Protein backbone atom coordinates (compact mmCIF):
# COMPACT_ATOMS: atom_id res chain seq x y z
CA MET A 1 58.63 76.18 200.38
CA SER A 2 62.08 76.70 201.90
CA ASP A 3 65.19 74.80 200.81
CA LEU A 4 65.12 72.80 204.04
CA ASP A 5 61.42 71.96 203.65
CA ARG A 6 62.14 70.65 200.17
CA LEU A 7 65.19 68.72 201.37
CA ARG A 8 63.25 67.15 204.24
CA GLY A 9 60.54 66.01 201.88
CA ASN A 10 62.97 64.56 199.36
CA LEU A 11 65.05 62.86 202.04
CA SER A 12 62.03 61.39 203.80
CA ALA A 13 61.05 59.72 200.52
CA CYS A 14 64.55 58.40 199.74
CA THR A 15 64.79 54.72 198.78
CA LEU A 16 68.34 54.67 197.35
CA CYS A 17 69.34 51.80 199.63
CA ARG A 18 66.20 49.68 199.28
CA GLU A 19 67.96 46.77 197.57
CA ARG A 20 70.99 47.02 199.90
CA PHE A 21 68.78 46.83 203.01
CA ALA A 22 66.73 43.96 201.60
CA GLN A 23 69.92 41.89 201.45
CA THR A 24 70.86 42.45 205.11
CA ALA A 25 70.07 40.03 207.92
CA THR A 26 67.26 42.39 208.99
CA ALA A 27 65.81 42.65 205.44
CA HIS A 28 64.21 45.99 206.34
CA ARG A 29 62.90 48.86 204.25
CA PRO A 30 64.42 52.35 204.13
CA ASN A 31 63.11 54.68 206.82
CA PRO A 32 65.07 57.95 206.83
CA VAL A 33 64.98 59.56 210.27
CA VAL A 34 64.96 63.26 209.35
CA TRP A 35 65.52 65.70 212.21
CA PHE A 36 66.41 69.30 211.29
CA ARG A 37 64.74 72.66 210.70
CA GLU A 38 65.62 76.27 210.01
CA GLY A 39 67.21 78.11 212.91
CA ALA A 40 68.96 75.15 214.55
CA ARG A 41 72.00 76.30 216.54
CA ILE A 42 73.62 72.94 217.29
CA LEU A 43 74.47 70.27 214.73
CA ILE A 44 74.84 66.70 215.96
CA ALA A 45 76.72 64.80 213.27
CA SER A 46 76.30 61.17 214.23
CA GLN A 47 76.71 57.77 212.55
CA ALA A 48 73.37 56.17 211.64
CA PRO A 49 70.14 55.14 213.36
CA GLY A 50 70.07 51.89 215.29
CA LEU A 51 67.17 49.45 215.22
CA ARG A 52 65.29 51.14 218.10
CA VAL A 53 65.58 54.52 216.39
CA HIS A 54 64.44 52.95 213.11
CA GLU A 55 61.34 51.60 214.85
CA ALA A 56 60.60 54.77 216.82
CA ASN A 57 61.46 57.17 213.97
CA THR A 58 63.16 59.40 216.54
CA PRO A 59 66.96 59.88 216.76
CA PHE A 60 68.79 58.70 219.87
CA TRP A 61 65.59 57.17 221.24
CA ASP A 62 67.56 54.71 223.33
CA ALA A 63 70.08 54.50 226.17
CA SER A 64 72.68 56.19 223.96
CA GLY A 65 70.39 59.20 223.73
CA THR A 66 69.99 59.34 227.51
CA ARG A 67 73.77 59.35 227.94
CA LEU A 68 74.26 61.93 225.17
CA ARG A 69 71.71 64.32 226.68
CA ASP A 70 73.50 63.97 230.01
CA TRP A 71 76.81 64.82 228.34
CA LEU A 72 75.24 67.91 226.74
CA GLY A 73 73.41 69.00 229.87
CA VAL A 74 70.03 69.29 228.12
CA ASP A 75 66.60 67.79 228.70
CA GLU A 76 64.53 65.86 226.16
CA ALA A 77 62.44 68.88 225.20
CA THR A 78 65.52 70.90 224.26
CA PHE A 79 67.28 68.00 222.55
CA TYR A 80 64.27 67.18 220.37
CA ASP A 81 63.46 70.79 219.45
CA ARG A 82 64.46 70.79 215.77
CA ARG A 83 64.56 74.60 215.76
CA ARG A 84 67.46 74.35 218.22
CA VAL A 85 69.19 71.03 217.56
CA ALA A 86 69.73 69.45 214.13
CA ILE A 87 70.63 65.76 214.05
CA VAL A 88 72.27 64.93 210.73
CA PRO A 89 73.84 61.45 210.73
CA MET A 90 76.20 60.09 208.11
CA ALA A 91 73.33 57.84 207.03
CA PHE A 92 69.69 58.61 207.76
CA CYS A 93 68.45 55.02 207.71
CA PHE A 94 69.25 52.04 209.91
CA PRO A 95 71.95 50.18 207.89
CA GLY A 96 70.95 46.79 209.29
CA TYR A 97 72.86 43.86 210.76
CA ASP A 98 75.17 41.42 209.09
CA ALA A 99 74.79 37.64 209.40
CA ALA A 100 76.67 37.71 212.72
CA GLY A 101 74.30 40.31 214.18
CA SER A 102 76.81 43.17 214.04
CA ASP A 103 75.91 46.70 212.93
CA LEU A 104 76.65 47.40 209.28
CA PRO A 105 78.44 50.68 208.48
CA PRO A 106 76.49 53.66 207.16
CA PRO A 107 76.26 53.44 203.35
CA LYS A 108 78.52 56.08 201.78
CA ILE A 109 75.91 56.94 199.17
CA CYS A 110 73.78 58.64 201.82
CA ALA A 111 76.36 61.30 202.73
CA GLU A 112 77.41 61.61 199.10
CA THR A 113 73.84 62.32 198.07
CA TRP A 114 72.51 64.51 200.86
CA ARG A 115 75.09 65.84 203.28
CA GLU A 116 76.61 68.89 201.61
CA GLU A 117 73.26 70.32 200.56
CA ILE A 118 71.75 69.89 204.03
CA LEU A 119 74.72 71.40 205.84
CA ALA A 120 74.81 74.35 203.43
CA ALA A 121 71.15 75.05 204.22
CA LEU A 122 71.69 74.94 208.00
CA SER A 123 73.07 78.47 208.14
CA ASP A 124 72.55 79.23 211.85
CA ILE A 125 74.74 76.46 213.32
CA LYS A 126 77.03 77.72 216.10
CA LEU A 127 78.34 74.40 217.44
CA THR A 128 79.01 71.11 215.64
CA LEU A 129 79.34 67.88 217.62
CA LEU A 130 81.05 65.06 215.75
CA ILE A 131 80.03 61.70 217.19
CA GLY A 132 82.16 58.74 216.18
CA GLY A 133 84.75 58.02 213.54
CA TYR A 134 82.59 58.27 210.41
CA ALA A 135 81.44 61.81 211.18
CA GLN A 136 84.88 62.88 212.37
CA LYS A 137 86.59 61.65 209.21
CA TRP A 138 84.04 63.31 206.93
CA HIS A 139 84.05 66.68 208.69
CA LEU A 140 87.70 66.89 209.68
CA GLY A 141 89.28 64.92 206.85
CA LYS A 142 91.30 63.04 209.47
CA THR A 143 92.25 59.39 209.65
CA LYS A 144 93.17 59.41 213.33
CA SER A 145 91.40 57.07 215.71
CA VAL A 146 88.36 58.29 217.62
CA THR A 147 90.42 58.32 220.83
CA GLU A 148 93.14 60.47 219.25
CA THR A 149 90.60 62.84 217.71
CA VAL A 150 88.57 63.25 220.90
CA ALA A 151 91.76 63.68 222.96
CA SER A 152 92.66 66.54 220.58
CA TRP A 153 89.31 68.29 221.09
CA ARG A 154 91.00 71.58 222.02
CA ASP A 155 92.32 71.78 218.45
CA TYR A 156 88.76 72.05 217.12
CA ALA A 157 86.97 73.96 219.88
CA PRO A 158 85.01 76.16 220.34
CA ASP A 159 83.03 75.63 217.10
CA ILE A 160 83.56 71.87 216.75
CA ILE A 161 83.79 69.23 219.48
CA PRO A 162 84.49 65.58 218.61
CA LEU A 163 82.90 62.95 220.85
CA PRO A 164 82.90 59.16 221.17
CA HIS A 165 79.62 57.41 220.54
CA PRO A 166 77.50 57.42 223.74
CA SER A 167 76.70 53.72 223.30
CA TRP A 168 76.90 51.35 226.28
CA ARG A 169 79.61 49.59 224.27
CA ASN A 170 81.89 52.54 225.06
CA THR A 171 81.51 52.33 228.85
CA ALA A 172 84.93 50.70 229.13
CA TRP A 173 86.40 53.45 226.92
CA LEU A 174 85.01 56.10 229.26
CA LYS A 175 86.62 54.35 232.25
CA ARG A 176 89.98 54.18 230.47
CA ASN A 177 89.82 57.87 229.56
CA PRO A 178 88.73 59.76 232.71
CA TRP A 179 89.87 63.07 231.15
CA PHE A 180 86.76 62.91 228.97
CA GLU A 181 84.51 63.46 231.97
CA THR A 182 86.77 65.78 233.96
CA ASP A 183 88.15 67.99 231.17
CA LEU A 184 85.92 67.81 228.11
CA LEU A 185 82.38 67.45 229.47
CA PRO A 186 82.36 70.72 231.45
CA VAL A 187 83.49 72.58 228.32
CA LEU A 188 80.92 70.71 226.23
CA LYS A 189 78.06 71.68 228.54
CA THR A 190 79.13 75.33 228.54
CA SER A 191 79.50 75.33 224.75
CA VAL A 192 76.03 73.84 224.32
CA GLU A 193 74.53 76.43 226.66
CA ASP A 194 76.27 79.26 224.83
CA ALA A 195 75.20 78.03 221.40
CA LEU A 196 71.56 77.66 222.42
CA HIS A 197 71.36 81.13 223.94
CA ASP A 198 73.70 83.11 221.69
């Protein structure tokens, strides 16, 4: 059994946050959405699964995923091929909602427990995409806003590209920052193509 096979098995069985999730407004059980294999060339470092992903057990199985695949210039088959794309969020389970119905942040214990070991085992990664502030802070050690970090994408390219979350909630952000579509997305698509076929 490979290191990643062992890690996937251990992570899939993780219940570290069982009591935490039981106390949320959703009162759900842990369901780690594990999506990586040996040989992956692209690492998508995201935030945490949403409710639809939790129910489908498939990452980005929602409108955010459709937008993200469009940004990357890949189809569903490529995106969900774990031998090509590894999706390693800052928390592998849906964190739940608070009493007001807002998303709870990814529990820090998840990254503290799993992240370094998983990333060390993904030895073929050529391109890392950092989606949202939690992933950007962890990987870059920065405290800048998402807008500042994404606007500075040239500082991290070609091996790392920071991105905003592709959620519909960020539609207004995309309109306020047209450079994202005109300047960054063409480079992103080329970088993804290069990483997949290197």
